Amino acid sequence: MELAIKQNVVLGNYTTYGIGGSALFFSEARSGEEMYYLREFAKKKGILFFMLGLGSNVLFADEGFQGLVVYNQMLKMHFQGPIVTVESGVPLTQLIHAAAKLNLSGFEELAGIPGSIGGAIYGNAGVPGCELQDRLMHSMILEEQNSFPTIVQPQYFQFAYRSSVLKGRKDIVLAATFKLEPQPQVQAQRRINEVIKSRVLKQPSGKSCGSFFKNPGEFPSAGWLIEQVGCKGMREGGAIVSQKHANWILNTDNATTKDIVTLAKKIQEKVFKKFRVVLEPEVQIVPFNPFKK
């Protein structure tokens, strides 16, 4: 198999933050077979492998990624009655709108959340009362040591709040199958529009990854904690804490990853000092985690 593998591709062009250095190698995968081939390429080269979806929850290091970044272009979707099988590169929003057009319901509350199906499973995307795992029947993955796909049940992922077992493994999600419910298109679309409108009113515009920190269970939200310690408007280089939503760190003036991380750590320190709560980032920082002790 011959696939185009580019060198020194700027990764900031593939993320919603618009930040990040260059990948040593970069390619696209449109099938499980291509994904496997590219993973083997990385193994033979002895370099890191990273699969990138829509880049809505990823922040690449300023120094770049000394490995292979594979841009997930697996975009097939198949409906059979209320059952839908979606490849992992499909945007979550696309699934929601496609289901509504077929008089199906299930994920309207997630409308407007950026990211791909694979990324949504990886981070167990959701809102109170509606998470992707709720309707997951099974998934097709490529395990680290296997050359053939495996079908796994939802419990395999050990879903938790904004987390799954994938964060500690190197499995690749190829596709997922969900069970939806019948609902007239007009009702489903009305709810989609309501949810999106609500998000637009509450959320800041600009380059970001959305909510930066996970919500701690014992307090109203991470944003509430950050606002209480006076971090709204706090700046580091080109990064700033939004005045509209304290849990959003925006790239307003050519921020670097270092700017974002430095600002996030200052927020953590202020919140911990007052509330003794350690805020945990939702965003995945590649290839390292600067928040781990």
Protein backbone atom coordinates (compact mmCIF):
# COMPACT_ATOMS: atom_id res chain seq x y z
CA MET A 1 0.00 0.00 0.00
CA GLU A 2 1.28 3.43 -0.95
CA LEU A 3 0.00 6.46 0.93
CA ALA A 4 1.14 10.06 0.74
CA ILE A 5 3.22 10.80 3.83
CA LYS A 6 4.20 14.45 4.11
CA GLN A 7 6.89 16.01 6.27
CA ASN A 8 6.94 19.14 8.44
CA VAL A 9 3.20 19.87 8.30
CA VAL A 10 2.08 22.70 10.61
CA LEU A 11 -0.32 21.15 13.14
CA GLY A 12 -1.92 24.41 14.23
CA ASN A 13 -3.81 24.37 10.92
CA TYR A 14 -5.66 21.24 12.07
CA THR A 15 -6.81 22.32 15.53
CA THR A 16 -9.50 24.71 16.78
CA TYR A 17 -6.85 26.44 18.90
CA GLY A 18 -4.81 27.21 15.79
CA ILE A 19 -1.63 26.53 17.76
CA GLY A 20 1.18 24.01 17.45
CA GLY A 21 4.47 23.26 15.77
CA SER A 22 5.08 20.88 12.87
CA ALA A 23 4.73 17.11 12.63
CA LEU A 24 7.78 15.20 11.50
CA PHE A 25 5.46 13.07 9.36
CA PHE A 26 1.80 13.64 8.47
CA SER A 27 -0.71 11.57 6.52
CA GLU A 28 -4.43 10.88 6.12
CA ALA A 29 -6.30 7.59 6.64
CA ARG A 30 -9.60 6.83 4.93
CA SER A 31 -10.00 3.22 6.09
CA GLY A 32 -9.00 0.84 8.85
CA GLU A 33 -6.53 -0.76 6.48
CA GLU A 34 -4.81 2.58 5.86
CA MET A 35 -4.80 3.32 9.58
CA TYR A 36 -3.06 -0.01 10.25
CA TYR A 37 -0.51 0.61 7.48
CA LEU A 38 0.37 4.02 8.90
CA ARG A 39 0.66 2.71 12.43
CA GLU A 40 3.07 0.05 11.17
CA PHE A 41 5.04 2.76 9.36
CA ALA A 42 5.49 4.56 12.69
CA LYS A 43 6.51 1.34 14.44
CA LYS A 44 9.13 0.55 11.83
CA LYS A 45 10.50 4.08 12.07
CA GLY A 46 10.52 3.85 15.86
CA ILE A 47 8.56 7.08 16.18
CA LEU A 48 5.42 8.22 18.01
CA PHE A 49 2.01 7.75 16.39
CA PHE A 50 -0.94 10.08 16.96
CA MET A 51 -4.39 9.94 15.41
CA LEU A 52 -6.01 13.35 14.94
CA GLY A 53 -9.72 13.94 14.49
CA LEU A 54 -11.19 17.42 14.22
CA GLY A 55 -8.63 18.87 16.63
CA SER A 56 -11.23 20.42 18.95
CA ASN A 57 -9.69 19.14 22.18
CA VAL A 58 -6.01 18.93 21.24
CA LEU A 59 -3.12 21.29 21.83
CA PHE A 60 0.19 20.47 20.14
CA ALA A 61 3.51 21.54 21.62
CA ASP A 62 5.22 24.60 20.15
CA GLU A 63 8.17 22.34 19.34
CA GLY A 64 5.90 20.16 17.21
CA PHE A 65 5.51 16.39 17.16
CA GLN A 66 8.51 14.20 16.41
CA GLY A 67 6.45 11.39 15.03
CA LEU A 68 3.58 10.58 12.66
CA VAL A 69 0.25 12.42 12.92
CA VAL A 70 -2.57 10.67 11.06
CA TYR A 71 -5.55 12.83 10.15
CA ASN A 72 -8.67 10.68 10.45
CA GLN A 73 -10.67 10.85 7.23
CA MET A 74 -12.78 7.74 7.84
CA LEU A 75 -16.15 9.35 7.11
CA LYS A 76 -18.71 6.65 6.26
CA MET A 77 -22.09 6.46 8.00
CA HIS A 78 -24.75 3.76 7.56
CA PHE A 79 -28.30 3.74 8.94
CA GLN A 80 -30.41 0.60 9.26
CA GLY A 81 -33.64 1.58 10.94
CA PRO A 82 -32.76 3.12 14.32
CA ILE A 83 -29.28 1.55 14.25
CA VAL A 84 -26.44 3.66 12.88
CA THR A 85 -22.83 2.66 12.32
CA VAL A 86 -20.47 5.61 12.07
CA GLU A 87 -16.79 5.67 11.22
CA SER A 88 -14.63 7.46 13.76
CA GLY A 89 -13.74 10.47 11.62
CA VAL A 90 -17.36 11.58 11.18
CA PRO A 91 -18.13 14.86 12.98
CA LEU A 92 -20.56 14.39 15.87
CA THR A 93 -22.66 17.28 14.56
CA GLN A 94 -23.00 15.56 11.17
CA LEU A 95 -24.39 12.42 12.84
CA ILE A 96 -26.92 14.45 14.84
CA HIS A 97 -28.26 16.29 11.77
CA ALA A 98 -28.30 13.14 9.60
CA ALA A 99 -30.30 11.28 12.26
CA ALA A 100 -32.86 14.09 12.53
CA LYS A 101 -33.44 14.02 8.77
CA LEU A 102 -34.29 10.32 9.10
CA ASN A 103 -36.72 10.99 11.97
CA LEU A 104 -34.33 9.65 14.59
CA SER A 105 -33.40 11.09 17.96
CA GLY A 106 -30.84 10.52 20.69
CA PHE A 107 -28.05 13.05 20.64
CA GLU A 108 -29.79 16.41 20.19
CA GLU A 109 -28.46 17.63 23.55
CA LEU A 110 -24.92 17.29 22.13
CA ALA A 111 -25.63 19.55 19.15
CA GLY A 112 -22.93 22.12 18.63
CA ILE A 113 -20.22 20.14 20.40
CA PRO A 114 -17.24 20.06 18.02
CA GLY A 115 -15.21 16.93 17.44
CA SER A 116 -15.38 13.55 15.75
CA ILE A 117 -17.07 10.33 16.85
CA GLY A 118 -13.68 8.80 17.69
CA GLY A 119 -12.70 11.78 19.81
CA ALA A 120 -16.11 11.79 21.49
CA ILE A 121 -15.67 8.14 22.53
CA TYR A 122 -12.09 8.79 23.64
CA GLY A 123 -13.24 11.58 25.97
CA ASN A 124 -16.78 10.30 26.66
CA ALA A 125 -18.30 13.50 25.34
CA GLY A 126 -21.56 14.62 26.84
CA VAL A 127 -23.67 17.03 28.83
CA PRO A 128 -25.65 16.37 32.01
CA GLY A 129 -28.21 13.70 31.16
CA CYS A 130 -26.78 12.81 27.75
CA GLU A 131 -23.47 11.11 27.05
CA LEU A 132 -22.30 9.28 23.95
CA GLN A 133 -21.97 6.04 25.91
CA ASP A 134 -25.70 6.02 26.65
CA ARG A 135 -26.57 4.77 23.16
CA LEU A 136 -23.40 2.91 22.24
CA MET A 137 -24.08 -0.71 21.26
CA HIS A 138 -20.56 -1.74 20.27
CA SER A 139 -17.46 -0.40 18.62
CA MET A 140 -14.80 -1.58 16.19
CA ILE A 141 -11.26 -0.91 17.36
CA LEU A 142 -7.72 -1.69 16.28
CA GLU A 143 -5.84 -2.81 19.35
CA GLU A 144 -2.19 -1.91 19.72
CA GLN A 145 -0.82 -5.41 19.10
CA ASN A 146 -3.46 -6.63 16.62
CA SER A 147 -3.44 -6.40 12.85
CA PHE A 148 -7.19 -7.07 12.52
CA PRO A 149 -10.09 -5.06 13.95
CA THR A 150 -11.90 -6.23 17.07
CA ILE A 151 -15.54 -5.65 18.08
CA VAL A 152 -15.84 -4.54 21.71
CA GLN A 153 -18.79 -3.85 23.99
CA PRO A 154 -19.33 -0.50 25.76
CA GLN A 155 -17.92 -1.79 29.07
CA TYR A 156 -14.55 -2.26 27.38
CA PHE A 157 -14.06 1.51 27.42
CA GLN A 158 -14.57 1.87 31.19
CA PHE A 159 -16.28 5.19 30.64
CA ALA A 160 -16.02 7.85 33.34
CA TYR A 161 -16.63 11.59 33.41
CA ARG A 162 -14.92 12.95 30.25
CA SER A 163 -12.71 9.88 30.19
CA SER A 164 -12.32 6.32 28.92
CA VAL A 165 -9.78 3.52 29.06
CA LEU A 166 -8.45 4.79 25.72
CA LYS A 167 -6.60 7.57 27.53
CA GLY A 168 -4.29 4.92 28.94
CA ARG A 169 -4.09 2.66 25.89
CA LYS A 170 -3.05 2.90 22.25
CA ASP A 171 -6.16 1.37 20.71
CA ILE A 172 -7.64 3.11 17.68
CA VAL A 173 -11.41 3.52 17.34
CA LEU A 174 -12.40 2.71 13.77
CA ALA A 175 -16.21 2.83 14.02
CA ALA A 176 -19.08 2.77 16.49
CA THR A 177 -22.67 1.55 16.38
CA PHE A 178 -25.46 3.38 18.21
CA LYS A 179 -29.16 2.75 18.79
CA LEU A 180 -31.36 5.80 18.31
CA GLU A 181 -35.08 6.40 18.89
CA PRO A 182 -37.88 7.37 16.47
CA GLN A 183 -38.75 11.08 16.55
CA PRO A 184 -40.38 13.31 13.93
CA GLN A 185 -37.78 15.40 12.12
CA VAL A 186 -39.46 18.68 13.00
CA GLN A 187 -39.23 17.94 16.74
CA ALA A 188 -35.63 16.71 16.60
CA GLN A 189 -34.54 19.68 14.49
CA ARG A 190 -36.33 22.13 16.79
CA ARG A 191 -34.40 20.78 19.78
CA ILE A 192 -31.11 20.87 17.84
CA ASN A 193 -31.71 24.53 17.00
CA GLU A 194 -32.55 25.34 20.65
CA VAL A 195 -29.41 23.67 21.96
CA ILE A 196 -27.15 25.37 19.41
CA LYS A 197 -28.73 28.77 20.11
CA SER A 198 -28.17 28.28 23.84
CA ARG A 199 -24.51 27.40 23.26
CA VAL A 200 -23.95 30.46 21.09
CA LEU A 201 -25.40 32.72 23.80
CA LYS A 202 -23.32 31.20 26.60
CA GLN A 203 -20.03 30.46 24.88
CA PRO A 204 -17.31 32.88 23.72
CA SER A 205 -16.29 33.17 20.09
CA GLY A 206 -12.69 32.84 19.00
CA LYS A 207 -9.99 30.20 18.90
CA SER A 208 -10.20 27.77 21.81
CA CYS A 209 -10.79 24.15 22.75
CA GLY A 210 -14.02 24.95 24.56
CA SER A 211 -14.07 24.25 28.28
CA PHE A 212 -10.45 23.86 29.35
CA PHE A 213 -10.94 22.17 32.74
CA LYS A 214 -13.21 19.33 33.83
CA ASN A 215 -15.97 20.20 36.26
CA PRO A 216 -15.18 19.08 39.83
CA GLY A 217 -18.09 17.17 41.34
CA GLU A 218 -18.39 19.01 44.63
CA PHE A 219 -18.73 22.53 43.17
CA PRO A 220 -21.13 24.06 40.61
CA SER A 221 -18.55 24.06 37.81
CA ALA A 222 -14.92 24.72 36.95
CA GLY A 223 -15.98 28.06 35.47
CA TRP A 224 -17.62 29.05 38.76
CA LEU A 225 -14.42 28.28 40.69
CA ILE A 226 -12.27 30.21 38.22
CA GLU A 227 -14.59 33.20 38.37
CA GLN A 228 -14.55 33.17 42.20
CA VAL A 229 -10.76 33.58 42.27
CA GLY A 230 -10.87 36.51 39.85
CA CYS A 231 -9.29 34.95 36.80
CA LYS A 232 -11.63 36.37 34.16
CA GLY A 233 -9.60 38.50 31.78
CA MET A 234 -6.27 37.19 33.08
CA ARG A 235 -3.69 37.07 30.29
CA GLU A 236 -0.45 35.32 29.46
CA GLY A 237 1.12 36.35 26.16
CA GLY A 238 -1.55 35.86 23.51
CA ALA A 239 -3.74 33.70 25.75
CA ILE A 240 -6.60 35.16 27.80
CA VAL A 241 -9.33 33.86 30.12
CA SER A 242 -12.66 34.76 28.54
CA GLN A 243 -14.78 37.44 30.18
CA LYS A 244 -17.88 35.60 28.99
CA HIS A 245 -17.04 32.12 30.29
CA ALA A 246 -14.23 31.69 32.81
CA ASN A 247 -13.48 28.09 31.80
CA TRP A 248 -12.53 29.14 28.26
CA ILE A 249 -8.93 30.08 27.53
CA LEU A 250 -8.81 31.90 24.19
CA ASN A 251 -6.03 32.32 21.66
CA THR A 252 -6.55 36.00 20.96
CA ASP A 253 -3.17 37.22 19.73
CA ASN A 254 -1.01 34.45 18.24
CA ALA A 255 -0.75 32.61 21.55
CA THR A 256 1.70 29.76 21.93
CA THR A 257 1.11 26.46 23.66
CA LYS A 258 3.45 27.72 26.36
CA ASP A 259 1.17 30.75 26.87
CA ILE A 260 -1.91 28.53 27.24
CA VAL A 261 -0.23 26.10 29.62
CA THR A 262 1.32 28.84 31.77
CA LEU A 263 -2.04 30.60 32.09
CA ALA A 264 -3.81 27.32 32.90
CA LYS A 265 -1.29 26.54 35.64
CA LYS A 266 -1.81 29.98 37.19
CA ILE A 267 -5.56 29.33 37.24
CA GLN A 268 -4.97 25.95 38.87
CA GLU A 269 -2.81 27.53 41.57
CA LYS A 270 -5.37 30.24 42.41
CA VAL A 271 -8.25 27.75 42.60
CA PHE A 272 -6.26 25.32 44.72
CA LYS A 273 -5.13 28.06 47.09
CA LYS A 274 -8.70 29.16 47.82
CA PHE A 275 -10.71 25.95 47.45
CA ARG A 276 -8.15 23.13 47.76
CA VAL A 277 -9.43 21.73 44.47
CA VAL A 278 -7.07 20.56 41.74
CA LEU A 279 -8.63 21.42 38.38
CA GLU A 280 -7.92 18.76 35.76
CA PRO A 281 -7.62 19.80 32.09
CA GLU A 282 -9.98 18.33 29.51
CA VAL A 283 -7.69 19.30 26.64
CA GLN A 284 -5.11 16.76 25.47
CA ILE A 285 -1.65 18.28 25.21
CA VAL A 286 0.56 16.38 22.77
CA PRO A 287 3.08 14.82 23.01
CA PHE A 288 3.44 15.49 26.74
CA ASN A 289 1.24 16.33 29.70
CA PRO A 290 2.70 19.36 31.47
CA PHE A 291 0.11 19.07 34.24
CA LYS A 292 1.31 15.69 35.52
CA LYS A 293 3.55 15.80 38.55
